[in-house]
Each structure stands twice: as C-alpha cells, then as structure tokens.
PDB file of N, CA and C in Angstrom:
ATOM      1  N   MET A   1     -59.361  78.597  60.566  1.00  0.00           N
ATOM      2  CA  MET A   1     -60.692  79.064  61.279  1.00  0.00           C
ATOM      3  C   MET A   1     -60.091  80.149  62.195  1.00  0.00           C
ATOM      4  N   LEU A   2     -61.095  81.070  62.607  1.00  0.00           N
ATOM      5  CA  LEU A   2     -60.950  81.756  63.914  1.00  0.00           C
ATOM      6  C   LEU A   2     -61.565  81.205  65.217  1.00  0.00           C
ATOM      7  N   THR A   3     -61.171  81.817  66.256  1.00  0.00           N
ATOM      8  CA  THR A   3     -61.696  81.323  67.583  1.00  0.00           C
ATOM      9  C   THR A   3     -62.291  82.562  68.149  1.00  0.00           C
ATOM     10  N   GLY A   4     -63.375  82.274  69.161  1.00  0.00           N
ATOM     11  CA  GLY A   4     -63.998  83.498  69.752  1.00  0.00           C
ATOM     12  C   GLY A   4     -64.918  82.943  71.076  1.00  0.00           C
ATOM     13  N   THR A   5     -65.443  83.694  71.493  1.00  0.00           N
ATOM     14  CA  THR A   5     -66.536  83.333  72.831  1.00  0.00           C
ATOM     15  C   THR A   5     -67.879  83.794  72.505  1.00  0.00           C
ATOM     16  N   VAL A   6     -68.901  82.882  72.695  1.00  0.00           N
ATOM     17  CA  VAL A   6     -70.323  83.223  72.583  1.00  0.00           C
ATOM     18  C   VAL A   6     -70.676  84.389  73.726  1.00  0.00           C
ATOM     19  N   LYS A   7     -71.203  85.831  73.107  1.00  0.00           N
ATOM     20  CA  LYS A   7     -71.355  86.653  74.058  1.00  0.00           C
ATOM     21  C   LYS A   7     -73.173  86.614  74.171  1.00  0.00           C
ATOM     22  N   PHE A   8     -73.818  86.108  73.194  1.00  0.00           N
ATOM     23  CA  PHE A   8     -74.961  85.914  73.712  1.00  0.00           C
ATOM     24  C   PHE A   8     -75.641  85.161  72.377  1.00  0.00           C
ATOM     25  N   TYR A   9     -76.458  84.198  73.003  1.00  0.00           N
ATOM     26  CA  TYR A   9     -77.312  83.439  71.772  1.00  0.00           C
ATOM     27  C   TYR A   9     -78.797  83.107  72.261  1.00  0.00           C
ATOM     28  N   ASN A  10     -79.758  83.558  71.591  1.00  0.00           N
ATOM     29  CA  ASN A  10     -81.193  83.244  71.811  1.00  0.00           C
ATOM     30  C   ASN A  10     -81.528  81.980  71.075  1.00  0.00           C
ATOM     31  N   ASP A  11     -81.488  80.905  71.478  1.00  0.00           N
ATOM     32  CA  ASP A  11     -82.073  79.568  71.155  1.00  0.00           C
ATOM     33  C   ASP A  11     -83.337  79.907  70.093  1.00  0.00           C
ATOM     34  N   SER A  12     -84.334  80.481  70.998  1.00  0.00           N
ATOM     35  CA  SER A  12     -85.673  80.426  70.450  1.00  0.00           C
ATOM     36  C   SER A  12     -85.818  81.395  69.183  1.00  0.00           C
ATOM     37  N   LYS A  13     -84.888  82.344  69.032  1.00  0.00           N
ATOM     38  CA  LYS A  13     -84.930  83.088  67.778  1.00  0.00           C
ATOM     39  C   LYS A  13     -83.832  82.725  67.111  1.00  0.00           C
ATOM     40  N   GLY A  14     -82.814  81.873  67.455  1.00  0.00           N
ATOM     41  CA  GLY A  14     -81.909  81.245  66.401  1.00  0.00           C
ATOM     42  C   GLY A  14     -80.915  82.323  65.999  1.00  0.00           C
ATOM     43  N   PHE A  15     -80.511  83.024  66.728  1.00  0.00           N
ATOM     44  CA  PHE A  15     -79.250  84.207  66.496  1.00  0.00           C
ATOM     45  C   PHE A  15     -78.679  84.517  67.688  1.00  0.00           C
ATOM     46  N   GLY A  16     -77.484  84.938  67.401  1.00  0.00           N
ATOM     47  CA  GLY A  16     -76.496  85.676  68.557  1.00  0.00           C
ATOM     48  C   GLY A  16     -75.471  86.254  68.113  1.00  0.00           C
ATOM     49  N   PHE A  17     -74.506  86.571  68.857  1.00  0.00           N
ATOM     50  CA  PHE A  17     -73.063  87.326  68.338  1.00  0.00           C
ATOM     51  C   PHE A  17     -71.928  86.438  69.213  1.00  0.00           C
ATOM     52  N   ILE A  18     -70.783  86.222  68.428  1.00  0.00           N
ATOM     53  CA  ILE A  18     -69.550  85.959  68.946  1.00  0.00           C
ATOM     54  C   ILE A  18     -68.796  87.048  68.836  1.00  0.00           C
ATOM     55  N   ILE A  19     -67.776  87.039  70.023  1.00  0.00           N
ATOM     56  CA  ILE A  19     -66.701  88.168  70.026  1.00  0.00           C
ATOM     57  C   ILE A  19     -65.453  87.182  69.682  1.00  0.00           C
ATOM     58  N   ALA A  20     -64.816  87.759  68.607  1.00  0.00           N
ATOM     59  CA  ALA A  20     -63.807  87.225  67.878  1.00  0.00           C
ATOM     60  C   ALA A  20     -62.331  87.547  68.906  1.00  0.00           C
ATOM     61  N   ASP A  21     -61.738  86.559  68.810  1.00  0.00           N
ATOM     62  CA  ASP A  21     -60.121  86.407  69.938  1.00  0.00           C
ATOM     63  C   ASP A  21     -59.289  87.766  69.553  1.00  0.00           C
ATOM     64  N   ASP A  22     -59.408  87.544  68.290  1.00  0.00           N
ATOM     65  CA  ASP A  22     -58.226  88.459  67.255  1.00  0.00           C
ATOM     66  C   ASP A  22     -58.448  89.994  67.684  1.00  0.00           C
ATOM     67  N   ASN A  23     -59.919  90.393  67.275  1.00  0.00           N
ATOM     68  CA  ASN A  23     -59.832  91.859  67.320  1.00  0.00           C
ATOM     69  C   ASN A  23     -61.010  92.308  68.172  1.00  0.00           C
ATOM     70  N   GLN A  24     -61.790  91.343  68.678  1.00  0.00           N
ATOM     71  CA  GLN A  24     -62.816  91.732  69.995  1.00  0.00           C
ATOM     72  C   GLN A  24     -64.063  92.100  69.059  1.00  0.00           C
ATOM     73  N   GLU A  25     -64.052  92.025  67.967  1.00  0.00           N
ATOM     74  CA  GLU A  25     -65.253  92.298  67.020  1.00  0.00           C
ATOM     75  C   GLU A  25     -66.572  91.456  67.425  1.00  0.00           C
ATOM     76  N   GLU A  26     -67.676  91.938  67.334  1.00  0.00           N
ATOM     77  CA  GLU A  26     -68.941  91.030  67.499  1.00  0.00           C
ATOM     78  C   GLU A  26     -69.222  90.641  66.039  1.00  0.00           C
ATOM     79  N   ILE A  27     -69.440  89.273  66.080  1.00  0.00           N
ATOM     80  CA  ILE A  27     -69.901  88.846  64.591  1.00  0.00           C
ATOM     81  C   ILE A  27     -71.202  87.896  64.787  1.00  0.00           C
ATOM     82  N   PHE A  28     -72.067  88.257  63.751  1.00  0.00           N
ATOM     83  CA  PHE A  28     -73.423  87.821  63.784  1.00  0.00           C
ATOM     84  C   PHE A  28     -73.297  86.454  63.531  1.00  0.00           C
ATOM     85  N   VAL A  29     -74.074  85.567  64.391  1.00  0.00           N
ATOM     86  CA  VAL A  29     -74.236  83.959  64.095  1.00  0.00           C
ATOM     87  C   VAL A  29     -75.555  83.858  63.694  1.00  0.00           C
ATOM     88  N   HIS A  30     -75.966  82.940  62.903  1.00  0.00           N
ATOM     89  CA  HIS A  30     -77.484  82.373  62.857  1.00  0.00           C
ATOM     90  C   HIS A  30     -77.447  80.999  62.995  1.00  0.00           C
ATOM     91  N   GLN A  31     -78.605  80.249  63.231  1.00  0.00           N
ATOM     92  CA  GLN A  31     -78.334  78.837  63.669  1.00  0.00           C
ATOM     93  C   GLN A  31     -78.204  78.244  62.175  1.00  0.00           C
ATOM     94  N   THR A  32     -78.292  78.784  61.146  1.00  0.00           N
ATOM     95  CA  THR A  32     -78.009  77.684  60.059  1.00  0.00           C
ATOM     96  C   THR A  32     -76.378  78.001  60.015  1.00  0.00           C
ATOM     97  N   GLY A  33     -75.818  78.479  60.492  1.00  0.00           N
ATOM     98  CA  GLY A  33     -74.319  78.336  60.368  1.00  0.00           C
ATOM     99  C   GLY A  33     -73.535  77.485  61.458  1.00  0.00           C
ATOM    100  N   LEU A  34     -74.657  76.918  62.467  1.00  0.00           N
ATOM    101  CA  LEU A  34     -73.932  75.887  63.569  1.00  0.00           C
ATOM    102  C   LEU A  34     -73.696  74.923  63.065  1.00  0.00           C
ATOM    103  N   ILE A  35     -72.943  74.099  63.742  1.00  0.00           N
ATOM    104  CA  ILE A  35     -72.354  72.819  63.273  1.00  0.00           C
ATOM    105  C   ILE A  35     -73.032  72.144  64.732  1.00  0.00           C
ATOM    106  N   HIS A  36     -72.448  72.521  65.885  1.00  0.00           N
ATOM    107  CA  HIS A  36     -72.855  72.199  67.157  1.00  0.00           C
ATOM    108  C   HIS A  36     -74.048  73.141  67.828  1.00  0.00           C
ATOM    109  N   GLU A  37     -74.784  72.951  68.827  1.00  0.00           N
ATOM    110  CA  GLU A  37     -75.484  73.832  69.515  1.00  0.00           C
ATOM    111  C   GLU A  37     -74.545  74.459  70.453  1.00  0.00           C
ATOM    112  N   ILE A  38     -74.717  75.840  70.643  1.00  0.00           N
ATOM    113  CA  ILE A  38     -74.048  76.768  71.214  1.00  0.00           C
ATOM    114  C   ILE A  38     -75.027  77.491  72.284  1.00  0.00           C
ATOM    115  N   GLN A  39     -74.222  77.781  73.404  1.00  0.00           N
ATOM    116  CA  GLN A  39     -74.737  78.832  74.238  1.00  0.00           C
ATOM    117  C   GLN A  39     -73.890  80.012  74.881  1.00  0.00           C
ATOM    118  N   GLU A  40     -74.391  80.688  75.533  1.00  0.00           N
ATOM    119  CA  GLU A  40     -73.688  82.051  76.009  1.00  0.00           C
ATOM    120  C   GLU A  40     -72.418  81.459  76.789  1.00  0.00           C
ATOM    121  N   GLY A  41     -71.225  81.987  76.662  1.00  0.00           N
ATOM    122  CA  GLY A  41     -69.860  81.647  77.449  1.00  0.00           C
ATOM    123  C   GLY A  41     -69.069  80.624  76.508  1.00  0.00           C
ATOM    124  N   ASP A  42     -69.513  79.795  75.631  1.00  0.00           N
ATOM    125  CA  ASP A  42     -69.211  78.635  74.935  1.00  0.00           C
ATOM    126  C   ASP A  42     -67.968  79.076  73.994  1.00  0.00           C
ATOM    127  N   ARG A  43     -66.726  78.502  74.259  1.00  0.00           N
ATOM    128  CA  ARG A  43     -65.741  78.781  73.157  1.00  0.00           C
ATOM    129  C   ARG A  43     -65.844  78.068  71.784  1.00  0.00           C
ATOM    130  N   VAL A  44     -65.681  78.838  70.725  1.00  0.00           N
ATOM    131  CA  VAL A  44     -65.888  78.299  69.586  1.00  0.00           C
ATOM    132  C   VAL A  44     -64.932  78.609  68.556  1.00  0.00           C
ATOM    133  N   GLU A  45     -64.837  77.883  67.519  1.00  0.00           N
ATOM    134  CA  GLU A  45     -64.022  78.259  66.191  1.00  0.00           C
ATOM    135  C   GLU A  45     -65.330  78.412  65.225  1.00  0.00           C
ATOM    136  N   PHE A  46     -64.562  79.012  64.027  1.00  0.00           N
ATOM    137  CA  PHE A  46     -65.771  79.815  63.194  1.00  0.00           C
ATOM    138  C   PHE A  46     -65.055  80.144  61.806  1.00  0.00           C
ATOM    139  N   ASP A  47     -65.666  80.146  60.854  1.00  0.00           N
ATOM    140  CA  ASP A  47     -65.263  80.830  59.703  1.00  0.00           C
ATOM    141  C   ASP A  47     -66.007  82.118  59.432  1.00  0.00           C
ATOM    142  N   ILE A  48     -65.446  83.120  58.760  1.00  0.00           N
ATOM    143  CA  ILE A  48     -66.404  84.275  58.269  1.00  0.00           C
ATOM    144  C   ILE A  48     -66.728  84.440  57.073  1.00  0.00           C
ATOM    145  N   LYS A  49     -68.224  84.735  56.834  1.00  0.00           N
ATOM    146  CA  LYS A  49     -68.936  84.943  55.361  1.00  0.00           C
ATOM    147  C   LYS A  49     -69.658  86.097  55.345  1.00  0.00           C
ATOM    148  N   ALA A  50     -69.085  86.742  53.988  1.00  0.00           N
ATOM    149  CA  ALA A  50     -69.930  88.111  54.148  1.00  0.00           C
ATOM    150  C   ALA A  50     -71.581  88.048  54.208  1.00  0.00           C
ATOM    151  N   GLY A  51     -72.394  88.538  54.982  1.00  0.00           N
ATOM    152  CA  GLY A  51     -73.572  88.836  55.005  1.00  0.00           C
ATOM    153  C   GLY A  51     -74.215  90.012  54.584  1.00  0.00           C
ATOM    154  N   LYS A  52     -75.485  90.062  54.680  1.00  0.00           N
ATOM    155  CA  LYS A  52     -76.452  91.376  53.918  1.00  0.00           C
ATOM    156  C   LYS A  52     -76.076  92.514  54.788  1.00  0.00           C
ATOM    157  N   LYS A  53     -75.891  92.288  56.162  1.00  0.00           N
ATOM    158  CA  LYS A  53     -75.617  93.466  57.022  1.00  0.00           C
ATOM    159  C   LYS A  53     -73.916  93.597  57.787  1.00  0.00           C
ATOM    160  N   GLY A  54     -73.134  92.529  57.147  1.00  0.00           N
ATOM    161  CA  GLY A  54     -71.920  92.379  57.666  1.00  0.00           C
ATOM    162  C   GLY A  54     -71.486  91.063  57.698  1.00  0.00           C
ATOM    163  N   PRO A  55     -70.213  90.577  58.360  1.00  0.00           N
ATOM    164  CA  PRO A  55     -69.864  89.544  58.615  1.00  0.00           C
ATOM    165  C   PRO A  55     -70.531  88.453  59.400  1.00  0.00           C
ATOM    166  N   ASN A  56     -70.679  87.175  58.890  1.00  0.00           N
ATOM    167  CA  ASN A  56     -71.570  86.290  59.664  1.00  0.00           C
ATOM    168  C   ASN A  56     -70.458  85.024  60.157  1.00  0.00           C
ATOM    169  N   ALA A  57     -70.709  84.737  61.223  1.00  0.00           N
ATOM    170  CA  ALA A  57     -69.754  83.410  61.690  1.00  0.00           C
ATOM    171  C   ALA A  57     -70.804  82.212  60.991  1.00  0.00           C
ATOM    172  N   VAL A  58     -69.974  81.110  60.663  1.00  0.00           N
ATOM    173  CA  VAL A  58     -70.264  79.943  59.931  1.00  0.00           C
ATOM    174  C   VAL A  58     -69.622  78.772  60.056  1.00  0.00           C
ATOM    175  N   LYS A  59     -69.856  77.581  60.040  1.00  0.00           N
ATOM    176  CA  LYS A  59     -69.006  76.528  60.372  1.00  0.00           C
ATOM    177  C   LYS A  59     -68.766  76.613  62.276  1.00  0.00           C
ATOM    178  N   VAL A  60     -69.789  77.034  62.553  1.00  0.00           N
ATOM    179  CA  VAL A  60     -69.414  77.137  64.117  1.00  0.00           C
ATOM    180  C   VAL A  60     -69.120  75.730  64.881  1.00  0.00           C
ATOM    181  N   THR A  61     -68.201  75.495  65.278  1.00  0.00           N
ATOM    182  CA  THR A  61     -67.998  74.504  66.323  1.00  0.00           C
ATOM    183  C   THR A  61     -67.601  74.824  67.953  1.00  0.00           C
ATOM    184  N   ARG A  62     -68.183  74.220  68.731  1.00  0.00           N
ATOM    185  CA  ARG A  62     -67.566  74.382  70.155  1.00  0.00           C
ATOM    186  C   ARG A  62     -66.273  73.697  70.369  1.00  0.00           C
ATOM    187  N   ILE A  63     -65.407  74.372  70.961  1.00  0.00           N
ATOM    188  CA  ILE A  63     -64.077  73.982  71.481  1.00  0.00           C
ATOM    189  C   ILE A  63     -64.472  73.375  72.710  1.00  0.00           C
ATOM    190  N   GLN A  64     -63.683  72.064  73.029  1.00  0.00           N
ATOM    191  CA  GLN A  64     -64.017  71.281  74.198  1.00  0.00           C
ATOM    192  C   GLN A  64     -62.920  71.655  74.959  1.00  0.00           C
TER     193      GLN A  64
END
C-alpha cells in the first residue's frame, strides 16, 4: 500500500485529492474508494486503480 496526505476532500461532493508520499503526485479519490471517512490533512494508506482520467486512490484508510 502507498501512503500520503489528504490535500483536499469535499464531503458533500464526495471526492478529493491525496498527495502521494513517494512522488508527490496528486491522486484523485472518490467516496466509493474510502474505507474510513477522511478530511483535509489526514494521513492515509491506499492502493491505486486505473480510472477513466488517470489513477484513482482505492481502499483508503486513515493512519492513526
């Protein structure tokens, strides 16, 4: 699993972006890929899945 920090997440729209630790890439995250609720600034672990417009974060879990 990869790790990163939630840069932005809009709860009402159900999407946001995570900055990956390894390459500082912005990765799209949709609410359907969440295991835990997330908010801006949270540290997270996630997997990558190919999406229509690029990589998507899936299996997103908060790191305590």
